[in-house]
């Protein structure tokens, strides 16, 4: 599995058959917490789609997932995500079902319904 930093506000996930790697198009790009969050969304989405496709006998070799985000002003945070499933081998009639399956990703659900976060400073 390969995650490529496409820009400061986007990542691409591809299954290259190997272990998880993170690559950048430039040595000046750092893997930021925002990239990590988007990578988690991409990996979760891929996992759900791979499981669904295996049961439906659909090949996932051509599946690529792009995740881009926009920032919100106040507080500084991610304001929105755009997830694009690039899947040339997916039959046209299966696209709506694949989209519904992708939305079953637990990271997707967590971002749509954010959890409460308790934080403290301990001695």
PDB file of N, CA and C in Angstrom:
ATOM      1  N   UNK A   1       0.859  -1.159   0.000  1.00  0.00           N
ATOM      2  CA  UNK A   1       0.000   0.000   0.000  1.00  0.00           C
ATOM      3  C   UNK A   1       0.905   1.222   0.000  1.00  0.00           C
ATOM      4  N   UNK A   2       0.614   2.158  -0.860  1.00  0.00           N
ATOM      5  CA  UNK A   2       1.447   3.359  -0.959  1.00  0.00           C
ATOM      6  C   UNK A   2       0.590   4.601  -0.814  1.00  0.00           C
ATOM      7  N   UNK A   3       1.032   5.483   0.084  1.00  0.00           N
ATOM      8  CA  UNK A   3       0.411   6.790   0.247  1.00  0.00           C
ATOM      9  C   UNK A   3       1.388   7.800  -0.334  1.00  0.00           C
ATOM     10  N   UNK A   4       0.901   8.628  -1.239  1.00  0.00           N
ATOM     11  CA  UNK A   4       1.731   9.659  -1.842  1.00  0.00           C
ATOM     12  C   UNK A   4       1.169  11.017  -1.466  1.00  0.00           C
ATOM     13  N   UNK A   5       2.036  11.878  -0.936  1.00  0.00           N
ATOM     14  CA  UNK A   5       1.624  13.252  -0.646  1.00  0.00           C
ATOM     15  C   UNK A   5       1.564  13.974  -1.976  1.00  0.00           C
ATOM     16  N   UNK A   6       0.377  14.317  -2.418  1.00  0.00           N
ATOM     17  CA  UNK A   6       0.198  14.989  -3.699  1.00  0.00           C
ATOM     18  C   UNK A   6       0.469  16.487  -3.573  1.00  0.00           C
ATOM     19  N   UNK A   7       0.117  17.042  -2.406  1.00  0.00           N
ATOM     20  CA  UNK A   7       0.319  18.464  -2.149  1.00  0.00           C
ATOM     21  C   UNK A   7       0.256  18.660  -0.641  1.00  0.00           C
ATOM     22  N   UNK A   8       0.247  19.898  -0.216  1.00  0.00           N
ATOM     23  CA  UNK A   8       0.110  20.183   1.208  1.00  0.00           C
ATOM     24  C   UNK A   8      -1.308  19.904   1.701  1.00  0.00           C
ATOM     25  N   UNK A   9      -2.245  19.694   0.755  1.00  0.00           N
ATOM     26  CA  UNK A   9      -3.632  19.457   1.122  1.00  0.00           C
ATOM     27  C   UNK A   9      -4.251  18.276   0.384  1.00  0.00           C
ATOM     28  N   UNK A  10      -3.428  17.277   0.049  1.00  0.00           N
ATOM     29  CA  UNK A  10      -3.993  16.093  -0.600  1.00  0.00           C
ATOM     30  C   UNK A  10      -3.031  14.912  -0.547  1.00  0.00           C
ATOM     31  N   UNK A  11      -3.647  13.717  -0.508  1.00  0.00           N
ATOM     32  CA  UNK A  11      -2.891  12.466  -0.547  1.00  0.00           C
ATOM     33  C   UNK A  11      -3.548  11.533  -1.552  1.00  0.00           C
ATOM     34  N   UNK A  12      -2.773  10.558  -2.009  1.00  0.00           N
ATOM     35  CA  UNK A  12      -3.275   9.505  -2.897  1.00  0.00           C
ATOM     36  C   UNK A  12      -2.886   8.163  -2.296  1.00  0.00           C
ATOM     37  N   UNK A  13      -3.837   7.222  -2.304  1.00  0.00           N
ATOM     38  CA  UNK A  13      -3.575   5.873  -1.827  1.00  0.00           C
ATOM     39  C   UNK A  13      -3.709   4.899  -2.985  1.00  0.00           C
ATOM     40  N   UNK A  14      -2.690   4.050  -3.142  1.00  0.00           N
ATOM     41  CA  UNK A  14      -2.684   3.019  -4.179  1.00  0.00           C
ATOM     42  C   UNK A  14      -2.213   1.721  -3.553  1.00  0.00           C
ATOM     43  N   UNK A  15      -2.793   0.611  -3.982  1.00  0.00           N
ATOM     44  CA  UNK A  15      -2.336  -0.697  -3.520  1.00  0.00           C
ATOM     45  C   UNK A  15      -1.269  -1.176  -4.483  1.00  0.00           C
ATOM     46  N   UNK A  16      -0.012  -1.077  -4.038  1.00  0.00           N
ATOM     47  CA  UNK A  16       1.091  -1.512  -4.894  1.00  0.00           C
ATOM     48  C   UNK A  16       1.558  -2.923  -4.554  1.00  0.00           C
ATOM     49  N   UNK A  17       0.819  -3.591  -3.662  1.00  0.00           N
ATOM     50  CA  UNK A  17       1.147  -4.967  -3.316  1.00  0.00           C
ATOM     51  C   UNK A  17       2.219  -5.112  -2.247  1.00  0.00           C
ATOM     52  N   UNK A  18       2.789  -4.019  -1.823  1.00  0.00           N
ATOM     53  CA  UNK A  18       3.852  -4.079  -0.829  1.00  0.00           C
ATOM     54  C   UNK A  18       3.414  -3.574   0.522  1.00  0.00           C
ATOM     55  N   UNK A  19       4.387  -3.419   1.427  1.00  0.00           N
ATOM     56  CA  UNK A  19       4.060  -2.880   2.753  1.00  0.00           C
ATOM     57  C   UNK A  19       3.673  -1.411   2.651  1.00  0.00           C
ATOM     58  N   UNK A  20       3.066  -0.903   3.700  1.00  0.00           N
ATOM     59  CA  UNK A  20       2.643   0.491   3.720  1.00  0.00           C
ATOM     60  C   UNK A  20       3.857   1.412   3.651  1.00  0.00           C
ATOM     61  N   UNK A  21       3.848   2.297   2.660  1.00  0.00           N
ATOM     62  CA  UNK A  21       4.903   3.296   2.527  1.00  0.00           C
ATOM     63  C   UNK A  21       4.258   4.660   2.348  1.00  0.00           C
ATOM     64  N   UNK A  22       4.993   5.680   2.737  1.00  0.00           N
ATOM     65  CA  UNK A  22       4.554   7.058   2.540  1.00  0.00           C
ATOM     66  C   UNK A  22       5.630   7.745   1.733  1.00  0.00           C
ATOM     67  N   UNK A  23       5.232   8.318   0.616  1.00  0.00           N
ATOM     68  CA  UNK A  23       6.171   8.991  -0.268  1.00  0.00           C
ATOM     69  C   UNK A  23       5.698  10.411  -0.527  1.00  0.00           C
ATOM     70  N   UNK A  24       6.650  11.256  -0.866  1.00  0.00           N
ATOM     71  CA  UNK A  24       6.339  12.641  -1.219  1.00  0.00           C
ATOM     72  C   UNK A  24       6.913  12.922  -2.595  1.00  0.00           C
ATOM     73  N   UNK A  25       6.297  13.843  -3.287  1.00  0.00           N
ATOM     74  CA  UNK A  25       6.777  14.211  -4.612  1.00  0.00           C
ATOM     75  C   UNK A  25       8.024  15.080  -4.528  1.00  0.00           C
ATOM     76  N   UNK A  26       8.267  15.620  -3.336  1.00  0.00           N
ATOM     77  CA  UNK A  26       9.421  16.483  -3.121  1.00  0.00           C
ATOM     78  C   UNK A  26       9.978  16.205  -1.727  1.00  0.00           C
ATOM     79  N   UNK A  27      11.298  16.321  -1.580  1.00  0.00           N
ATOM     80  CA  UNK A  27      11.896  16.115  -0.255  1.00  0.00           C
ATOM     81  C   UNK A  27      11.597  17.284   0.681  1.00  0.00           C
ATOM     82  N   UNK A  28      10.937  18.305   0.177  1.00  0.00           N
ATOM     83  CA  UNK A  28      10.551  19.451   1.003  1.00  0.00           C
ATOM     84  C   UNK A  28       9.188  19.265   1.660  1.00  0.00           C
ATOM     85  N   UNK A  29       8.469  18.221   1.269  1.00  0.00           N
ATOM     86  CA  UNK A  29       7.159  17.958   1.852  1.00  0.00           C
ATOM     87  C   UNK A  29       7.308  17.114   3.107  1.00  0.00           C
ATOM     88  N   UNK A  30       6.591  17.491   4.147  1.00  0.00           N
ATOM     89  CA  UNK A  30       6.573  16.724   5.388  1.00  0.00           C
ATOM     90  C   UNK A  30       5.220  16.043   5.531  1.00  0.00           C
ATOM     91  N   UNK A  31       5.219  14.884   6.162  1.00  0.00           N
ATOM     92  CA  UNK A  31       3.992  14.140   6.429  1.00  0.00           C
ATOM     93  C   UNK A  31       3.353  14.743   7.671  1.00  0.00           C
ATOM     94  N   UNK A  32       2.423  15.647   7.454  1.00  0.00           N
ATOM     95  CA  UNK A  32       1.815  16.419   8.535  1.00  0.00           C
ATOM     96  C   UNK A  32       0.689  15.643   9.211  1.00  0.00           C
ATOM     97  N   UNK A  33       0.237  16.096  10.381  1.00  0.00           N
ATOM     98  CA  UNK A  33      -0.936  15.478  11.005  1.00  0.00           C
ATOM     99  C   UNK A  33      -2.164  15.510  10.091  1.00  0.00           C
ATOM    100  N   UNK A  34      -2.289  16.530   9.251  1.00  0.00           N
ATOM    101  CA  UNK A  34      -3.414  16.596   8.314  1.00  0.00           C
ATOM    102  C   UNK A  34      -3.301  15.498   7.267  1.00  0.00           C
ATOM    103  N   UNK A  35      -2.079  15.224   6.788  1.00  0.00           N
ATOM    104  CA  UNK A  35      -1.860  14.119   5.862  1.00  0.00           C
ATOM    105  C   UNK A  35      -2.197  12.790   6.545  1.00  0.00           C
ATOM    106  N   UNK A  36      -1.809  12.666   7.818  1.00  0.00           N
ATOM    107  CA  UNK A  36      -2.083  11.428   8.551  1.00  0.00           C
ATOM    108  C   UNK A  36      -3.581  11.181   8.674  1.00  0.00           C
ATOM    109  N   UNK A  37      -4.327  12.209   8.995  1.00  0.00           N
ATOM    110  CA  UNK A  37      -5.771  12.073   9.134  1.00  0.00           C
ATOM    111  C   UNK A  37      -6.403  11.669   7.797  1.00  0.00           C
ATOM    112  N   UNK A  38      -6.000  12.314   6.728  1.00  0.00           N
ATOM    113  CA  UNK A  38      -6.525  11.981   5.397  1.00  0.00           C
ATOM    114  C   UNK A  38      -6.097  10.572   4.981  1.00  0.00           C
ATOM    115  N   UNK A  39      -4.891  10.167   5.354  1.00  0.00           N
ATOM    116  CA  UNK A  39      -4.418   8.810   5.049  1.00  0.00           C
ATOM    117  C   UNK A  39      -5.270   7.771   5.755  1.00  0.00           C
ATOM    118  N   UNK A  40      -5.651   8.054   7.006  1.00  0.00           N
ATOM    119  CA  UNK A  40      -6.521   7.141   7.735  1.00  0.00           C
ATOM    120  C   UNK A  40      -7.868   6.988   7.050  1.00  0.00           C
ATOM    121  N   UNK A  41      -8.418   8.092   6.556  1.00  0.00           N
ATOM    122  CA  UNK A  41      -9.677   8.043   5.820  1.00  0.00           C
ATOM    123  C   UNK A  41      -9.519   7.224   4.540  1.00  0.00           C
ATOM    124  N   UNK A  42      -8.433   7.435   3.825  1.00  0.00           N
ATOM    125  CA  UNK A  42      -8.187   6.693   2.581  1.00  0.00           C
ATOM    126  C   UNK A  42      -7.994   5.199   2.849  1.00  0.00           C
ATOM    127  N   UNK A  43      -7.205   4.862   3.861  1.00  0.00           N
ATOM    128  CA  UNK A  43      -6.959   3.446   4.179  1.00  0.00           C
ATOM    129  C   UNK A  43      -8.235   2.734   4.623  1.00  0.00           C
ATOM    130  N   UNK A  44      -9.011   3.385   5.446  1.00  0.00           N
ATOM    131  CA  UNK A  44     -10.273   2.809   5.909  1.00  0.00           C
ATOM    132  C   UNK A  44     -11.217   2.593   4.722  1.00  0.00           C
ATOM    133  N   UNK A  45     -11.325   3.592   3.867  1.00  0.00           N
ATOM    134  CA  UNK A  45     -12.188   3.489   2.689  1.00  0.00           C
ATOM    135  C   UNK A  45     -11.745   2.346   1.798  1.00  0.00           C
ATOM    136  N   UNK A  46     -10.443   2.243   1.571  1.00  0.00           N
ATOM    137  CA  UNK A  46      -9.914   1.157   0.740  1.00  0.00           C
ATOM    138  C   UNK A  46     -10.227  -0.202   1.354  1.00  0.00           C
ATOM    139  N   UNK A  47     -10.055  -0.314   2.651  1.00  0.00           N
ATOM    140  CA  UNK A  47     -10.307  -1.581   3.337  1.00  0.00           C
ATOM    141  C   UNK A  47     -11.759  -2.029   3.157  1.00  0.00           C
ATOM    142  N   UNK A  48     -12.686  -1.099   3.341  1.00  0.00           N
ATOM    143  CA  UNK A  48     -14.105  -1.418   3.182  1.00  0.00           C
ATOM    144  C   UNK A  48     -14.403  -1.796   1.734  1.00  0.00           C
ATOM    145  N   UNK A  49     -13.877  -1.027   0.797  1.00  0.00           N
ATOM    146  CA  UNK A  49     -14.129  -1.321  -0.622  1.00  0.00           C
ATOM    147  C   UNK A  49     -13.507  -2.643  -1.043  1.00  0.00           C
ATOM    148  N   UNK A  50     -12.327  -2.924  -0.539  1.00  0.00           N
ATOM    149  CA  UNK A  50     -11.663  -4.189  -0.880  1.00  0.00           C
ATOM    150  C   UNK A  50     -12.490  -5.374  -0.378  1.00  0.00           C
ATOM    151  N   UNK A  51     -13.006  -5.272   0.830  1.00  0.00           N
ATOM    152  CA  UNK A  51     -13.838  -6.337   1.387  1.00  0.00           C
ATOM    153  C   UNK A  51     -15.110  -6.515   0.558  1.00  0.00           C
ATOM    154  N   UNK A  52     -15.785  -5.394   0.255  1.00  0.00           N
ATOM    155  CA  UNK A  52     -17.004  -5.458  -0.547  1.00  0.00           C
ATOM    156  C   UNK A  52     -16.719  -6.051  -1.924  1.00  0.00           C
ATOM    157  N   UNK A  53     -15.652  -5.580  -2.558  1.00  0.00           N
ATOM    158  CA  UNK A  53     -15.325  -6.027  -3.916  1.00  0.00           C
ATOM    159  C   UNK A  53     -14.952  -7.508  -3.946  1.00  0.00           C
ATOM    160  N   UNK A  54     -14.277  -7.978  -2.921  1.00  0.00           N
ATOM    161  CA  UNK A  54     -13.918  -9.399  -2.859  1.00  0.00           C
ATOM    162  C   UNK A  54     -15.182 -10.255  -2.854  1.00  0.00           C
ATOM    163  N   UNK A  55     -16.166  -9.875  -2.058  1.00  0.00           N
ATOM    164  CA  UNK A  55     -17.433 -10.625  -2.005  1.00  0.00           C
ATOM    165  C   UNK A  55     -18.226 -10.491  -3.304  1.00  0.00           C
ATOM    166  N   UNK A  56     -18.035  -9.377  -4.017  1.00  0.00           N
ATOM    167  CA  UNK A  56     -18.750  -9.153  -5.280  1.00  0.00           C
ATOM    168  C   UNK A  56     -17.944  -9.630  -6.490  1.00  0.00           C
ATOM    169  N   UNK A  57     -16.782 -10.238  -6.252  1.00  0.00           N
ATOM    170  CA  UNK A  57     -15.890 -10.716  -7.322  1.00  0.00           C
ATOM    171  C   UNK A  57     -15.487  -9.601  -8.278  1.00  0.00           C
ATOM    172  N   UNK A  58     -15.121  -8.447  -7.704  1.00  0.00           N
ATOM    173  CA  UNK A  58     -14.659  -7.304  -8.494  1.00  0.00           C
ATOM    174  C   UNK A  58     -13.206  -7.038  -8.132  1.00  0.00           C
ATOM    175  N   UNK A  59     -12.377  -6.887  -9.132  1.00  0.00           N
ATOM    176  CA  UNK A  59     -10.948  -6.649  -8.928  1.00  0.00           C
ATOM    177  C   UNK A  59     -10.697  -5.220  -8.444  1.00  0.00           C
ATOM    178  N   UNK A  60      -9.867  -5.079  -7.427  1.00  0.00           N
ATOM    179  CA  UNK A  60      -9.552  -3.754  -6.880  1.00  0.00           C
ATOM    180  C   UNK A  60      -8.167  -3.265  -7.295  1.00  0.00           C
ATOM    181  N   UNK A  61      -7.501  -3.980  -8.190  1.00  0.00           N
ATOM    182  CA  UNK A  61      -6.122  -3.624  -8.560  1.00  0.00           C
ATOM    183  C   UNK A  61      -6.012  -2.201  -9.111  1.00  0.00           C
ATOM    184  N   UNK A  62      -7.028  -1.722  -9.792  1.00  0.00           N
ATOM    185  CA  UNK A  62      -6.959  -0.389 -10.392  1.00  0.00           C
ATOM    186  C   UNK A  62      -7.500   0.715  -9.479  1.00  0.00           C
ATOM    187  N   UNK A  63      -7.947   0.362  -8.277  1.00  0.00           N
ATOM    188  CA  UNK A  63      -8.539   1.342  -7.362  1.00  0.00           C
ATOM    189  C   UNK A  63      -7.476   2.272  -6.778  1.00  0.00           C
ATOM    190  N   UNK A  64      -7.707   3.561  -6.937  1.00  0.00           N
ATOM    191  CA  UNK A  64      -6.859   4.611  -6.361  1.00  0.00           C
ATOM    192  C   UNK A  64      -7.797   5.554  -5.630  1.00  0.00           C
ATOM    193  N   UNK A  65      -7.389   5.975  -4.430  1.00  0.00           N
ATOM    194  CA  UNK A  65      -8.224   6.877  -3.643  1.00  0.00           C
ATOM    195  C   UNK A  65      -7.469   8.172  -3.400  1.00  0.00           C
ATOM    196  N   UNK A  66      -8.066   9.269  -3.828  1.00  0.00           N
ATOM    197  CA  UNK A  66      -7.507  10.599  -3.589  1.00  0.00           C
ATOM    198  C   UNK A  66      -8.331  11.277  -2.505  1.00  0.00           C
ATOM    199  N   UNK A  67      -7.639  11.884  -1.544  1.00  0.00           N
ATOM    200  CA  UNK A  67      -8.305  12.645  -0.496  1.00  0.00           C
ATOM    201  C   UNK A  67      -7.676  14.031  -0.461  1.00  0.00           C
ATOM    202  N   UNK A  68      -8.508  15.040  -0.629  1.00  0.00           N
ATOM    203  CA  UNK A  68      -8.053  16.435  -0.561  1.00  0.00           C
ATOM    204  C   UNK A  68      -8.882  17.123   0.508  1.00  0.00           C
ATOM    205  N   UNK A  69      -8.363  18.212   1.045  1.00  0.00           N
ATOM    206  CA  UNK A  69      -9.099  18.934   2.078  1.00  0.00           C
ATOM    207  C   UNK A  69      -8.904  20.425   1.946  1.00  0.00           C
ATOM    208  N   UNK A  70      -9.878  21.131   2.507  1.00  0.00           N
ATOM    209  CA  UNK A  70      -9.844  22.584   2.616  1.00  0.00           C
ATOM    210  C   UNK A  70      -9.834  22.905   4.098  1.00  0.00           C
ATOM    211  N   UNK A  71      -9.188  23.988   4.446  1.00  0.00           N
ATOM    212  CA  UNK A  71      -9.148  24.403   5.836  1.00  0.00           C
ATOM    213  C   UNK A  71     -10.323  25.329   6.155  1.00  0.00           C
ATOM    214  N   UNK A  72     -10.750  25.281   7.413  1.00  0.00           N
ATOM    215  CA  UNK A  72     -11.729  26.226   7.939  1.00  0.00           C
ATOM    216  C   UNK A  72     -10.936  27.335   8.625  1.00  0.00           C
ATOM    217  N   UNK A  73     -11.521  28.510   8.732  1.00  0.00           N
ATOM    218  CA  UNK A  73     -10.803  29.637   9.321  1.00  0.00           C
ATOM    219  C   UNK A  73     -10.659  29.560  10.833  1.00  0.00           C
ATOM    220  N   UNK A  74     -11.765  29.469  11.529  1.00  0.00           N
ATOM    221  CA  UNK A  74     -11.696  29.523  12.989  1.00  0.00           C
ATOM    222  C   UNK A  74     -12.565  28.439  13.584  1.00  0.00           C
ATOM    223  N   UNK A  75     -12.024  27.590  14.421  1.00  0.00           N
ATOM    224  CA  UNK A  75     -10.598  27.462  14.680  1.00  0.00           C
ATOM    225  C   UNK A  75      -9.897  26.828  13.479  1.00  0.00           C
ATOM    226  N   UNK A  76      -8.576  26.965  13.406  1.00  0.00           N
ATOM    227  CA  UNK A  76      -7.822  26.374  12.289  1.00  0.00           C
ATOM    228  C   UNK A  76      -7.984  24.856  12.362  1.00  0.00           C
ATOM    229  N   UNK A  77      -8.590  24.308  11.336  1.00  0.00           N
ATOM    230  CA  UNK A  77      -8.886  22.873  11.283  1.00  0.00           C
ATOM    231  C   UNK A  77      -9.263  22.524   9.859  1.00  0.00           C
ATOM    232  N   UNK A  78      -9.475  21.238   9.600  1.00  0.00           N
ATOM    233  CA  UNK A  78      -9.997  20.819   8.310  1.00  0.00           C
ATOM    234  C   UNK A  78     -11.477  21.175   8.285  1.00  0.00           C
ATOM    235  N   UNK A  79     -11.883  21.877   7.248  1.00  0.00           N
ATOM    236  CA  UNK A  79     -13.280  22.263   7.104  1.00  0.00           C
ATOM    237  C   UNK A  79     -14.072  21.309   6.236  1.00  0.00           C
ATOM    238  N   UNK A  80     -13.393  20.681   5.265  1.00  0.00           N
ATOM    239  CA  UNK A  80     -14.083  19.731   4.389  1.00  0.00           C
ATOM    240  C   UNK A  80     -13.072  18.804   3.719  1.00  0.00           C
ATOM    241  N   UNK A  81     -13.555  17.625   3.390  1.00  0.00           N
ATOM    242  CA  UNK A  81     -12.771  16.634   2.642  1.00  0.00           C
ATOM    243  C   UNK A  81     -13.453  16.369   1.317  1.00  0.00           C
ATOM    244  N   UNK A  82     -12.664  16.063   0.310  1.00  0.00           N
ATOM    245  CA  UNK A  82     -13.167  15.578  -0.973  1.00  0.00           C
ATOM    246  C   UNK A  82     -12.465  14.262  -1.241  1.00  0.00           C
ATOM    247  N   UNK A  83     -13.235  13.171  -1.291  1.00  0.00           N
ATOM    248  CA  UNK A  83     -12.686  11.840  -1.535  1.00  0.00           C
ATOM    249  C   UNK A  83     -13.097  11.428  -2.937  1.00  0.00           C
ATOM    250  N   UNK A  84     -12.105  11.087  -3.757  1.00  0.00           N
ATOM    251  CA  UNK A  84     -12.373  10.646  -5.123  1.00  0.00           C
ATOM    252  C   UNK A  84     -11.905   9.207  -5.268  1.00  0.00           C
ATOM    253  N   UNK A  85     -12.827   8.337  -5.661  1.00  0.00           N
ATOM    254  CA  UNK A  85     -12.513   6.937  -5.915  1.00  0.00           C
ATOM    255  C   UNK A  85     -12.238   6.797  -7.404  1.00  0.00           C
ATOM    256  N   UNK A  86     -11.002   6.554  -7.762  1.00  0.00           N
ATOM    257  CA  UNK A  86     -10.632   6.345  -9.169  1.00  0.00           C
ATOM    258  C   UNK A  86     -10.519   4.832  -9.363  1.00  0.00           C
ATOM    259  N   UNK A  87     -11.467   4.288 -10.108  1.00  0.00           N
ATOM    260  CA  UNK A  87     -11.566   2.834 -10.215  1.00  0.00           C
ATOM    261  C   UNK A  87     -11.981   2.462 -11.634  1.00  0.00           C
ATOM    262  N   UNK A  88     -11.038   2.525 -12.587  1.00  0.00           N
ATOM    263  CA  UNK A  88     -11.373   2.248 -13.990  1.00  0.00           C
ATOM    264  C   UNK A  88     -11.962   0.857 -14.218  1.00  0.00           C
ATOM    265  N   UNK A  89     -11.608  -0.124 -13.401  1.00  0.00           N
ATOM    266  CA  UNK A  89     -12.111  -1.481 -13.588  1.00  0.00           C
ATOM    267  C   UNK A  89     -13.484  -1.731 -12.999  1.00  0.00           C
ATOM    268  N   UNK A  90     -14.065  -0.744 -12.328  1.00  0.00           N
ATOM    269  CA  UNK A  90     -15.376  -0.923 -11.705  1.00  0.00           C
ATOM    270  C   UNK A  90     -16.479  -0.747 -12.744  1.00  0.00           C
ATOM    271  N   UNK A  91     -17.339  -1.751 -12.905  1.00  0.00           N
ATOM    272  CA  UNK A  91     -18.443  -1.606 -13.860  1.00  0.00           C
ATOM    273  C   UNK A  91     -19.338  -0.417 -13.492  1.00  0.00           C
ATOM    274  N   UNK A  92     -19.790   0.302 -14.489  1.00  0.00           N
ATOM    275  CA  UNK A  92     -20.607   1.502 -14.300  1.00  0.00           C
ATOM    276  C   UNK A  92     -21.801   1.259 -13.387  1.00  0.00           C
ATOM    277  N   UNK A  93     -22.467   0.124 -13.580  1.00  0.00           N
ATOM    278  CA  UNK A  93     -23.671  -0.155 -12.791  1.00  0.00           C
ATOM    279  C   UNK A  93     -23.367  -0.457 -11.324  1.00  0.00           C
ATOM    280  N   UNK A  94     -22.088  -0.692 -10.989  1.00  0.00           N
ATOM    281  CA  UNK A  94     -21.713  -0.985  -9.600  1.00  0.00           C
ATOM    282  C   UNK A  94     -21.251   0.259  -8.842  1.00  0.00           C
ATOM    283  N   UNK A  95     -21.115   1.384  -9.523  1.00  0.00           N
ATOM    284  CA  UNK A  95     -20.612   2.605  -8.876  1.00  0.00           C
ATOM    285  C   UNK A  95     -21.468   3.080  -7.701  1.00  0.00           C
ATOM    286  N   UNK A  96     -22.798   3.136  -7.839  1.00  0.00           N
ATOM    287  CA  UNK A  96     -23.600   3.586  -6.682  1.00  0.00           C
ATOM    288  C   UNK A  96     -23.438   2.677  -5.463  1.00  0.00           C
ATOM    289  N   UNK A  97     -23.326   1.367  -5.695  1.00  0.00           N
ATOM    290  CA  UNK A  97     -23.162   0.422  -4.588  1.00  0.00           C
ATOM    291  C   UNK A  97     -21.787   0.602  -3.954  1.00  0.00           C
ATOM    292  N   UNK A  98     -20.769   0.809  -4.782  1.00  0.00           N
ATOM    293  CA  UNK A  98     -19.415   1.032  -4.252  1.00  0.00           C
ATOM    294  C   UNK A  98     -19.374   2.302  -3.407  1.00  0.00           C
ATOM    295  N   UNK A  99     -20.071   3.322  -3.841  1.00  0.00           N
ATOM    296  CA  UNK A  99     -20.111   4.578  -3.079  1.00  0.00           C
ATOM    297  C   UNK A  99     -20.793   4.370  -1.730  1.00  0.00           C
ATOM    298  N   UNK A 100     -21.894   3.638  -1.716  1.00  0.00           N
ATOM    299  CA  UNK A 100     -22.564   3.336  -0.445  1.00  0.00           C
ATOM    300  C   UNK A 100     -21.652   2.519   0.459  1.00  0.00           C
ATOM    301  N   UNK A 101     -20.937   1.551  -0.110  1.00  0.00           N
ATOM    302  CA  UNK A 101     -20.016   0.731   0.682  1.00  0.00           C
ATOM    303  C   UNK A 101     -18.896   1.594   1.255  1.00  0.00           C
ATOM    304  N   UNK A 102     -18.353   2.496   0.452  1.00  0.00           N
ATOM    305  CA  UNK A 102     -17.251   3.356   0.911  1.00  0.00           C
ATOM    306  C   UNK A 102     -17.661   4.183   2.120  1.00  0.00           C
ATOM    307  N   UNK A 103     -18.906   4.608   2.149  1.00  0.00           N
ATOM    308  CA  UNK A 103     -19.389   5.436   3.258  1.00  0.00           C
ATOM    309  C   UNK A 103     -19.571   4.644   4.554  1.00  0.00           C
ATOM    310  N   UNK A 104     -19.372   3.323   4.512  1.00  0.00           N
ATOM    311  CA  UNK A 104     -19.427   2.493   5.707  1.00  0.00           C
ATOM    312  C   UNK A 104     -18.105   2.505   6.485  1.00  0.00           C
ATOM    313  N   UNK A 105     -17.104   3.144   5.943  1.00  0.00           N
ATOM    314  CA  UNK A 105     -15.812   3.268   6.624  1.00  0.00           C
ATOM    315  C   UNK A 105     -16.021   3.937   7.983  1.00  0.00           C
ATOM    316  N   UNK A 106     -15.463   3.349   9.031  1.00  0.00           N
ATOM    317  CA  UNK A 106     -15.660   3.898  10.372  1.00  0.00           C
ATOM    318  C   UNK A 106     -14.966   5.242  10.569  1.00  0.00           C
ATOM    319  N   UNK A 107     -13.888   5.501   9.853  1.00  0.00           N
ATOM    320  CA  UNK A 107     -13.247   6.822   9.944  1.00  0.00           C
ATOM    321  C   UNK A 107     -14.182   7.862   9.325  1.00  0.00           C
ATOM    322  N   UNK A 108     -14.800   7.532   8.208  1.00  0.00           N
ATOM    323  CA  UNK A 108     -15.774   8.415   7.575  1.00  0.00           C
ATOM    324  C   UNK A 108     -16.895   8.737   8.565  1.00  0.00           C
ATOM    325  N   UNK A 109     -17.433   7.703   9.204  1.00  0.00           N
ATOM    326  CA  UNK A 109     -18.510   7.908  10.174  1.00  0.00           C
ATOM    327  C   UNK A 109     -18.042   8.753  11.356  1.00  0.00           C
ATOM    328  N   UNK A 110     -16.822   8.540  11.803  1.00  0.00           N
ATOM    329  CA  UNK A 110     -16.280   9.312  12.925  1.00  0.00           C
ATOM    330  C   UNK A 110     -16.147  10.782  12.564  1.00  0.00           C
ATOM    331  N   UNK A 111     -15.706  11.062  11.344  1.00  0.00           N
ATOM    332  CA  UNK A 111     -15.567  12.452  10.922  1.00  0.00           C
ATOM    333  C   UNK A 111     -16.926  13.113  10.714  1.00  0.00           C
ATOM    334  N   UNK A 112     -17.916  12.355  10.271  1.00  0.00           N
ATOM    335  CA  UNK A 112     -19.259  12.916  10.100  1.00  0.00           C
ATOM    336  C   UNK A 112     -19.962  13.140  11.426  1.00  0.00           C
ATOM    337  N   UNK A 113     -19.625  12.333  12.430  1.00  0.00           N
ATOM    338  CA  UNK A 113     -20.240  12.416  13.764  1.00  0.00           C
ATOM    339  C   UNK A 113     -19.108  12.425  14.779  1.00  0.00           C
ATOM    340  N   UNK A 114     -18.435  13.572  14.940  1.00  0.00           N
ATOM    341  CA  UNK A 114     -17.220  13.608  15.750  1.00  0.00           C
ATOM    342  C   UNK A 114     -17.455  13.211  17.206  1.00  0.00           C
ATOM    343  N   UNK A 115     -16.480  12.490  17.755  1.00  0.00           N
ATOM    344  CA  UNK A 115     -16.600  12.066  19.148  1.00  0.00           C
ATOM    345  C   UNK A 115     -16.293  13.215  20.094  1.00  0.00           C
ATOM    346  N   UNK A 116     -16.746  13.066  21.331  1.00  0.00           N
ATOM    347  CA  UNK A 116     -16.335  14.008  22.375  1.00  0.00           C
ATOM    348  C   UNK A 116     -14.882  13.690  22.723  1.00  0.00           C
ATOM    349  N   UNK A 117     -14.113  14.699  23.009  1.00  0.00           N
ATOM    350  CA  UNK A 117     -12.707  14.502  23.355  1.00  0.00           C
ATOM    351  C   UNK A 117     -12.477  15.092  24.745  1.00  0.00           C
ATOM    352  N   UNK A 118     -12.018  14.251  25.650  1.00  0.00           N
ATOM    353  CA  UNK A 118     -11.654  14.711  26.992  1.00  0.00           C
ATOM    354  C   UNK A 118     -10.140  14.855  27.034  1.00  0.00           C
ATOM    355  N   UNK A 119      -9.666  15.985  27.518  1.00  0.00           N
ATOM    356  CA  UNK A 119      -8.236  16.219  27.580  1.00  0.00           C
ATOM    357  C   UNK A 119      -7.880  16.778  28.944  1.00  0.00           C
ATOM    358  N   UNK A 120      -6.755  16.345  29.471  1.00  0.00           N
ATOM    359  CA  UNK A 120      -6.312  16.850  30.762  1.00  0.00           C
ATOM    360  C   UNK A 120      -4.790  16.881  30.794  1.00  0.00           C
ATOM    361  N   UNK A 121      -4.272  17.585  31.734  1.00  0.00           N
ATOM    362  CA  UNK A 121      -2.831  17.597  31.981  1.00  0.00           C
ATOM    363  C   UNK A 121      -2.634  16.830  33.278  1.00  0.00           C
ATOM    364  N   UNK A 122      -1.848  15.766  33.235  1.00  0.00           N
ATOM    365  CA  UNK A 122      -1.602  14.959  34.416  1.00  0.00           C
ATOM    366  C   UNK A 122      -0.175  15.135  34.869  1.00  0.00           C
ATOM    367  N   UNK A 123       0.038  14.986  36.188  1.00  0.00           N
ATOM    368  CA  UNK A 123       1.367  15.128  36.753  1.00  0.00           C
ATOM    369  C   UNK A 123       2.199  13.912  36.459  1.00  0.00           C
TER     370      UNK A 123
END
